[in-house]
Amino acid sequence: MSVLTIRLPDDQHERLKALAAHRGVSMNKLIEELATRAVAEFDTEVRFRARAARGDAEAGLALLNKVDAAFNGGS
């Protein structure tokens, strides 16, 4: 496991402490969760871009329309 020291503005640090308290987790756990989300989003974007580069744009847009419809209740 690695140790990381970061510098944050005081107000941002206080807000993160409040968020951690609200969620009932430590600051360490909160930062770990946020980092996990960021890495997952990055990995998803990299995979999507790689697939898009070798795929069919029209088929991709049709798929995104289906996803959009599913998230918007089929409208």
PDB file of N, CA and C in Angstrom:
ATOM      1  N   MET A   1       0.850  -1.168   0.000  1.00  0.00           N
ATOM      2  CA  MET A   1       0.000   0.000   0.000  1.00  0.00           C
ATOM      3  C   MET A   1       0.897   1.233   0.000  1.00  0.00           C
ATOM      4  N   SER A   2       0.465   2.263  -0.684  1.00  0.00           N
ATOM      5  CA  SER A   2       1.224   3.503  -0.775  1.00  0.00           C
ATOM      6  C   SER A   2       0.633   4.570   0.128  1.00  0.00           C
ATOM      7  N   VAL A   3       1.466   5.505   0.495  1.00  0.00           N
ATOM      8  CA  VAL A   3       1.040   6.670   1.262  1.00  0.00           C
ATOM      9  C   VAL A   3       1.182   7.872   0.343  1.00  0.00           C
ATOM     10  N   LEU A   4       0.162   8.734   0.332  1.00  0.00           N
ATOM     11  CA  LEU A   4       0.139   9.898  -0.546  1.00  0.00           C
ATOM     12  C   LEU A   4      -0.162  11.133   0.278  1.00  0.00           C
ATOM     13  N   THR A   5       0.654  12.148   0.105  1.00  0.00           N
ATOM     14  CA  THR A   5       0.397  13.433   0.756  1.00  0.00           C
ATOM     15  C   THR A   5      -0.101  14.391  -0.311  1.00  0.00           C
ATOM     16  N   ILE A   6      -1.227  15.044  -0.047  1.00  0.00           N
ATOM     17  CA  ILE A   6      -1.766  16.009  -1.004  1.00  0.00           C
ATOM     18  C   ILE A   6      -1.959  17.357  -0.322  1.00  0.00           C
ATOM     19  N   ARG A   7      -1.911  18.391  -1.121  1.00  0.00           N
ATOM     20  CA  ARG A   7      -2.163  19.742  -0.621  1.00  0.00           C
ATOM     21  C   ARG A   7      -3.511  20.200  -1.153  1.00  0.00           C
ATOM     22  N   LEU A   8      -4.354  20.666  -0.242  1.00  0.00           N
ATOM     23  CA  LEU A   8      -5.684  21.157  -0.600  1.00  0.00           C
ATOM     24  C   LEU A   8      -5.908  22.512   0.052  1.00  0.00           C
ATOM     25  N   PRO A   9      -6.700  23.354  -0.571  1.00  0.00           N
ATOM     26  CA  PRO A   9      -7.109  24.581   0.127  1.00  0.00           C
ATOM     27  C   PRO A   9      -7.868  24.201   1.394  1.00  0.00           C
ATOM     28  N   ASP A  10      -7.727  25.026   2.428  1.00  0.00           N
ATOM     29  CA  ASP A  10      -8.364  24.718   3.718  1.00  0.00           C
ATOM     30  C   ASP A  10      -9.866  24.495   3.593  1.00  0.00           C
ATOM     31  N   ASP A  11     -10.543  25.320   2.789  1.00  0.00           N
ATOM     32  CA  ASP A  11     -11.996  25.178   2.676  1.00  0.00           C
ATOM     33  C   ASP A  11     -12.373  23.852   2.012  1.00  0.00           C
ATOM     34  N   GLN A  12     -11.598  23.424   1.035  1.00  0.00           N
ATOM     35  CA  GLN A  12     -11.888  22.141   0.388  1.00  0.00           C
ATOM     36  C   GLN A  12     -11.646  20.987   1.368  1.00  0.00           C
ATOM     37  N   HIS A  13     -10.601  21.096   2.168  1.00  0.00           N
ATOM     38  CA  HIS A  13     -10.322  20.071   3.166  1.00  0.00           C
ATOM     39  C   HIS A  13     -11.478  19.955   4.159  1.00  0.00           C
ATOM     40  N   GLU A  14     -11.971  21.098   4.603  1.00  0.00           N
ATOM     41  CA  GLU A  14     -13.099  21.095   5.547  1.00  0.00           C
ATOM     42  C   GLU A  14     -14.347  20.476   4.922  1.00  0.00           C
ATOM     43  N   ARG A  15     -14.590  20.783   3.657  1.00  0.00           N
ATOM     44  CA  ARG A  15     -15.769  20.214   2.977  1.00  0.00           C
ATOM     45  C   ARG A  15     -15.628  18.706   2.815  1.00  0.00           C
ATOM     46  N   LEU A  16     -14.420  18.244   2.504  1.00  0.00           N
ATOM     47  CA  LEU A  16     -14.199  16.799   2.395  1.00  0.00           C
ATOM     48  C   LEU A  16     -14.374  16.116   3.750  1.00  0.00           C
ATOM     49  N   LYS A  17     -13.898  16.751   4.820  1.00  0.00           N
ATOM     50  CA  LYS A  17     -14.102  16.183   6.149  1.00  0.00           C
ATOM     51  C   LYS A  17     -15.593  16.090   6.470  1.00  0.00           C
ATOM     52  N   ALA A  18     -16.347  17.126   6.091  1.00  0.00           N
ATOM     53  CA  ALA A  18     -17.793  17.105   6.331  1.00  0.00           C
ATOM     54  C   ALA A  18     -18.465  16.004   5.511  1.00  0.00           C
ATOM     55  N   LEU A  19     -18.025  15.832   4.268  1.00  0.00           N
ATOM     56  CA  LEU A  19     -18.582  14.770   3.424  1.00  0.00           C
ATOM     57  C   LEU A  19     -18.288  13.398   4.015  1.00  0.00           C
ATOM     58  N   ALA A  20     -17.058  13.193   4.456  1.00  0.00           N
ATOM     59  CA  ALA A  20     -16.690  11.910   5.074  1.00  0.00           C
ATOM     60  C   ALA A  20     -17.550  11.652   6.309  1.00  0.00           C
ATOM     61  N   ALA A  21     -17.715  12.672   7.139  1.00  0.00           N
ATOM     62  CA  ALA A  21     -18.537  12.514   8.340  1.00  0.00           C
ATOM     63  C   ALA A  21     -19.977  12.193   7.973  1.00  0.00           C
ATOM     64  N   HIS A  22     -20.497  12.885   6.966  1.00  0.00           N
ATOM     65  CA  HIS A  22     -21.869  12.648   6.519  1.00  0.00           C
ATOM     66  C   HIS A  22     -22.054  11.201   6.051  1.00  0.00           C
ATOM     67  N   ARG A  23     -21.056  10.678   5.369  1.00  0.00           N
ATOM     68  CA  ARG A  23     -21.117   9.296   4.880  1.00  0.00           C
ATOM     69  C   ARG A  23     -20.738   8.275   5.943  1.00  0.00           C
ATOM     70  N   GLY A  24     -20.219   8.749   7.061  1.00  0.00           N
ATOM     71  CA  GLY A  24     -19.823   7.843   8.138  1.00  0.00           C
ATOM     72  C   GLY A  24     -18.563   7.055   7.825  1.00  0.00           C
ATOM     73  N   VAL A  25     -17.636   7.682   7.073  1.00  0.00           N
ATOM     74  CA  VAL A  25     -16.379   7.020   6.732  1.00  0.00           C
ATOM     75  C   VAL A  25     -15.219   7.938   7.095  1.00  0.00           C
ATOM     76  N   SER A  26     -14.039   7.373   7.147  1.00  0.00           N
ATOM     77  CA  SER A  26     -12.845   8.168   7.411  1.00  0.00           C
ATOM     78  C   SER A  26     -12.462   8.962   6.166  1.00  0.00           C
ATOM     79  N   MET A  27     -11.633   9.963   6.365  1.00  0.00           N
ATOM     80  CA  MET A  27     -11.120  10.726   5.219  1.00  0.00           C
ATOM     81  C   MET A  27     -10.370   9.785   4.280  1.00  0.00           C
ATOM     82  N   ASN A  28      -9.598   8.871   4.832  1.00  0.00           N
ATOM     83  CA  ASN A  28      -8.851   7.925   4.015  1.00  0.00           C
ATOM     84  C   ASN A  28      -9.796   7.121   3.126  1.00  0.00           C
ATOM     85  N   LYS A  29     -10.866   6.606   3.719  1.00  0.00           N
ATOM     86  CA  LYS A  29     -11.825   5.800   2.960  1.00  0.00           C
ATOM     87  C   LYS A  29     -12.526   6.654   1.902  1.00  0.00           C
ATOM     88  N   LEU A  30     -12.876   7.880   2.239  1.00  0.00           N
ATOM     89  CA  LEU A  30     -13.517   8.768   1.274  1.00  0.00           C
ATOM     90  C   LEU A  30     -12.614   9.002   0.069  1.00  0.00           C
ATOM     91  N   ILE A  31     -11.353   9.338   0.311  1.00  0.00           N
ATOM     92  CA  ILE A  31     -10.424   9.596  -0.785  1.00  0.00           C
ATOM     93  C   ILE A  31     -10.215   8.329  -1.601  1.00  0.00           C
ATOM     94  N   GLU A  32     -10.142   7.179  -0.939  1.00  0.00           N
ATOM     95  CA  GLU A  32     -10.016   5.902  -1.659  1.00  0.00           C
ATOM     96  C   GLU A  32     -11.221   5.672  -2.565  1.00  0.00           C
ATOM     97  N   GLU A  33     -12.425   5.943  -2.064  1.00  0.00           N
ATOM     98  CA  GLU A  33     -13.642   5.777  -2.872  1.00  0.00           C
ATOM     99  C   GLU A  33     -13.651   6.733  -4.064  1.00  0.00           C
ATOM    100  N   LEU A  34     -13.274   7.992  -3.828  1.00  0.00           N
ATOM    101  CA  LEU A  34     -13.250   8.970  -4.918  1.00  0.00           C
ATOM    102  C   LEU A  34     -12.208   8.596  -5.968  1.00  0.00           C
ATOM    103  N   ALA A  35     -11.049   8.112  -5.524  1.00  0.00           N
ATOM    104  CA  ALA A  35     -10.008   7.686  -6.463  1.00  0.00           C
ATOM    105  C   ALA A  35     -10.468   6.474  -7.268  1.00  0.00           C
ATOM    106  N   THR A  36     -11.167   5.555  -6.622  1.00  0.00           N
ATOM    107  CA  THR A  36     -11.683   4.375  -7.321  1.00  0.00           C
ATOM    108  C   THR A  36     -12.657   4.779  -8.416  1.00  0.00           C
ATOM    109  N   ARG A  37     -13.537   5.723  -8.108  1.00  0.00           N
ATOM    110  CA  ARG A  37     -14.484   6.215  -9.115  1.00  0.00           C
ATOM    111  C   ARG A  37     -13.765   6.877 -10.287  1.00  0.00           C
ATOM    112  N   ALA A  38     -12.771   7.708  -9.971  1.00  0.00           N
ATOM    113  CA  ALA A  38     -12.033   8.408 -11.024  1.00  0.00           C
ATOM    114  C   ALA A  38     -11.325   7.423 -11.948  1.00  0.00           C
ATOM    115  N   VAL A  39     -10.696   6.403 -11.368  1.00  0.00           N
ATOM    116  CA  VAL A  39      -9.994   5.406 -12.170  1.00  0.00           C
ATOM    117  C   VAL A  39     -10.986   4.591 -13.000  1.00  0.00           C
ATOM    118  N   ALA A  40     -12.127   4.247 -12.430  1.00  0.00           N
ATOM    119  CA  ALA A  40     -13.143   3.499 -13.172  1.00  0.00           C
ATOM    120  C   ALA A  40     -13.665   4.316 -14.346  1.00  0.00           C
ATOM    121  N   GLU A  41     -13.911   5.607 -14.126  1.00  0.00           N
ATOM    122  CA  GLU A  41     -14.363   6.475 -15.219  1.00  0.00           C
ATOM    123  C   GLU A  41     -13.304   6.566 -16.308  1.00  0.00           C
ATOM    124  N   PHE A  42     -12.046   6.696 -15.914  1.00  0.00           N
ATOM    125  CA  PHE A  42     -10.955   6.767 -16.876  1.00  0.00           C
ATOM    126  C   PHE A  42     -10.862   5.471 -17.682  1.00  0.00           C
ATOM    127  N   ASP A  43     -10.915   4.335 -16.992  1.00  0.00           N
ATOM    128  CA  ASP A  43     -10.846   3.035 -17.687  1.00  0.00           C
ATOM    129  C   ASP A  43     -12.004   2.877 -18.663  1.00  0.00           C
ATOM    130  N   THR A  44     -13.199   3.296 -18.253  1.00  0.00           N
ATOM    131  CA  THR A  44     -14.367   3.205 -19.125  1.00  0.00           C
ATOM    132  C   THR A  44     -14.182   4.066 -20.367  1.00  0.00           C
ATOM    133  N   GLU A  45     -13.693   5.279 -20.182  1.00  0.00           N
ATOM    134  CA  GLU A  45     -13.467   6.168 -21.328  1.00  0.00           C
ATOM    135  C   GLU A  45     -12.424   5.597 -22.275  1.00  0.00           C
ATOM    136  N   VAL A  46     -11.344   5.054 -21.727  1.00  0.00           N
ATOM    137  CA  VAL A  46     -10.290   4.467 -22.572  1.00  0.00           C
ATOM    138  C   VAL A  46     -10.852   3.304 -23.373  1.00  0.00           C
ATOM    139  N   ARG A  47     -11.610   2.421 -22.725  1.00  0.00           N
ATOM    140  CA  ARG A  47     -12.196   1.274 -23.448  1.00  0.00           C
ATOM    141  C   ARG A  47     -13.181   1.749 -24.502  1.00  0.00           C
ATOM    142  N   PHE A  48     -14.009   2.743 -24.147  1.00  0.00           N
ATOM    143  CA  PHE A  48     -14.994   3.258 -25.092  1.00  0.00           C
ATOM    144  C   PHE A  48     -14.309   3.862 -26.310  1.00  0.00           C
ATOM    145  N   ARG A  49     -13.275   4.662 -26.081  1.00  0.00           N
ATOM    146  CA  ARG A  49     -12.560   5.287 -27.198  1.00  0.00           C
ATOM    147  C   ARG A  49     -11.878   4.248 -28.079  1.00  0.00           C
ATOM    148  N   ALA A  50     -11.317   3.206 -27.466  1.00  0.00           N
ATOM    149  CA  ALA A  50     -10.671   2.144 -28.240  1.00  0.00           C
ATOM    150  C   ALA A  50     -11.697   1.410 -29.100  1.00  0.00           C
ATOM    151  N   ARG A  51     -12.843   1.109 -28.526  1.00  0.00           N
ATOM    152  CA  ARG A  51     -13.889   0.431 -29.301  1.00  0.00           C
ATOM    153  C   ARG A  51     -14.454   1.347 -30.368  1.00  0.00           C
ATOM    154  N   ALA A  52     -14.617   2.626 -30.050  1.00  0.00           N
ATOM    155  CA  ALA A  52     -15.163   3.581 -31.012  1.00  0.00           C
ATOM    156  C   ALA A  52     -14.225   3.735 -32.206  1.00  0.00           C
ATOM    157  N   ALA A  53     -12.930   3.673 -31.959  1.00  0.00           N
ATOM    158  CA  ALA A  53     -11.956   3.851 -33.036  1.00  0.00           C
ATOM    159  C   ALA A  53     -12.024   2.727 -34.062  1.00  0.00           C
ATOM    160  N   ARG A  54     -12.474   1.564 -33.635  1.00  0.00           N
ATOM    161  CA  ARG A  54     -12.541   0.442 -34.577  1.00  0.00           C
ATOM    162  C   ARG A  54     -13.982   0.041 -34.912  1.00  0.00           C
ATOM    163  N   GLY A  55     -14.934   0.887 -34.523  1.00  0.00           N
ATOM    164  CA  GLY A  55     -16.336   0.528 -34.702  1.00  0.00           C
ATOM    165  C   GLY A  55     -17.052   1.349 -35.754  1.00  0.00           C
ATOM    166  N   ASP A  56     -18.351   1.147 -35.798  1.00  0.00           N
ATOM    167  CA  ASP A  56     -19.248   1.800 -36.743  1.00  0.00           C
ATOM    168  C   ASP A  56     -19.949   2.946 -36.013  1.00  0.00           C
ATOM    169  N   ALA A  57     -19.726   4.177 -36.468  1.00  0.00           N
ATOM    170  CA  ALA A  57     -20.279   5.350 -35.792  1.00  0.00           C
ATOM    171  C   ALA A  57     -21.804   5.302 -35.718  1.00  0.00           C
ATOM    172  N   GLU A  58     -22.468   4.917 -36.790  1.00  0.00           N
ATOM    173  CA  GLU A  58     -23.940   4.869 -36.778  1.00  0.00           C
ATOM    174  C   GLU A  58     -24.451   3.838 -35.785  1.00  0.00           C
ATOM    175  N   ALA A  59     -23.817   2.680 -35.745  1.00  0.00           N
ATOM    176  CA  ALA A  59     -24.233   1.645 -34.794  1.00  0.00           C
ATOM    177  C   ALA A  59     -23.998   2.129 -33.360  1.00  0.00           C
ATOM    178  N   GLY A  60     -22.885   2.824 -33.131  1.00  0.00           N
ATOM    179  CA  GLY A  60     -22.597   3.345 -31.805  1.00  0.00           C
ATOM    180  C   GLY A  60     -23.614   4.379 -31.361  1.00  0.00           C
ATOM    181  N   LEU A  61     -23.974   5.277 -32.270  1.00  0.00           N
ATOM    182  CA  LEU A  61     -24.981   6.287 -31.937  1.00  0.00           C
ATOM    183  C   LEU A  61     -26.339   5.655 -31.675  1.00  0.00           C
ATOM    184  N   ALA A  62     -26.678   4.629 -32.430  1.00  0.00           N
ATOM    185  CA  ALA A  62     -27.945   3.926 -32.204  1.00  0.00           C
ATOM    186  C   ALA A  62     -27.951   3.290 -30.822  1.00  0.00           C
ATOM    187  N   LEU A  63     -26.826   2.719 -30.422  1.00  0.00           N
ATOM    188  CA  LEU A  63     -26.725   2.107 -29.102  1.00  0.00           C
ATOM    189  C   LEU A  63     -26.847   3.166 -28.003  1.00  0.00           C
ATOM    190  N   LEU A  64     -26.182   4.306 -28.190  1.00  0.00           N
ATOM    191  CA  LEU A  64     -26.298   5.378 -27.209  1.00  0.00           C
ATOM    192  C   LEU A  64     -27.729   5.892 -27.107  1.00  0.00           C
ATOM    193  N   ASN A  65     -28.458   5.932 -28.217  1.00  0.00           N
ATOM    194  CA  ASN A  65     -29.867   6.341 -28.187  1.00  0.00           C
ATOM    195  C   ASN A  65     -30.692   5.354 -27.363  1.00  0.00           C
ATOM    196  N   LYS A  66     -30.389   4.062 -27.487  1.00  0.00           N
ATOM    197  CA  LYS A  66     -31.097   3.050 -26.692  1.00  0.00           C
ATOM    198  C   LYS A  66     -30.818   3.241 -25.207  1.00  0.00           C
ATOM    199  N   VAL A  67     -29.557   3.494 -24.872  1.00  0.00           N
ATOM    200  CA  VAL A  67     -29.198   3.712 -23.482  1.00  0.00           C
ATOM    201  C   VAL A  67     -29.900   4.953 -22.943  1.00  0.00           C
ATOM    202  N   ASP A  68     -29.878   6.017 -23.731  1.00  0.00           N
ATOM    203  CA  ASP A  68     -30.545   7.260 -23.328  1.00  0.00           C
ATOM    204  C   ASP A  68     -32.034   7.023 -23.098  1.00  0.00           C
ATOM    205  N   ALA A  69     -32.667   6.290 -23.992  1.00  0.00           N
ATOM    206  CA  ALA A  69     -34.084   5.998 -23.836  1.00  0.00           C
ATOM    207  C   ALA A  69     -34.340   5.173 -22.572  1.00  0.00           C
ATOM    208  N   ALA A  70     -33.472   4.237 -22.275  1.00  0.00           N
ATOM    209  CA  ALA A  70     -33.649   3.404 -21.090  1.00  0.00           C
ATOM    210  C   ALA A  70     -33.535   4.236 -19.815  1.00  0.00           C
ATOM    211  N   PHE A  71     -32.611   5.193 -19.791  1.00  0.00           N
ATOM    212  CA  PHE A  71     -32.419   6.029 -18.603  1.00  0.00           C
ATOM    213  C   PHE A  71     -33.474   7.103 -18.479  1.00  0.00           C
ATOM    214  N   ASN A  72     -34.155   7.414 -19.568  1.00  0.00           N
ATOM    215  CA  ASN A  72     -35.197   8.443 -19.538  1.00  0.00           C
ATOM    216  C   ASN A  72     -36.585   7.835 -19.622  1.00  0.00           C
ATOM    217  N   GLY A  73     -36.713   6.613 -19.184  1.00  0.00           N
ATOM    218  CA  GLY A  73     -38.028   5.976 -19.122  1.00  0.00           C
ATOM    219  C   GLY A  73     -38.641   5.648 -20.464  1.00  0.00           C
ATOM    220  N   GLY A  74     -37.809   5.432 -21.475  1.00  0.00           N
ATOM    221  CA  GLY A  74     -38.320   5.051 -22.780  1.00  0.00           C
ATOM    222  C   GLY A  74     -38.863   6.197 -23.603  1.00  0.00           C
ATOM    223  N   SER A  75     -38.671   7.434 -23.102  1.00  0.00           N
ATOM    224  CA  SER A  75     -39.192   8.587 -23.852  1.00  0.00           C
ATOM    225  C   SER A  75     -38.273   9.012 -24.959  1.00  0.00           C
TER     226      SER A  75
END
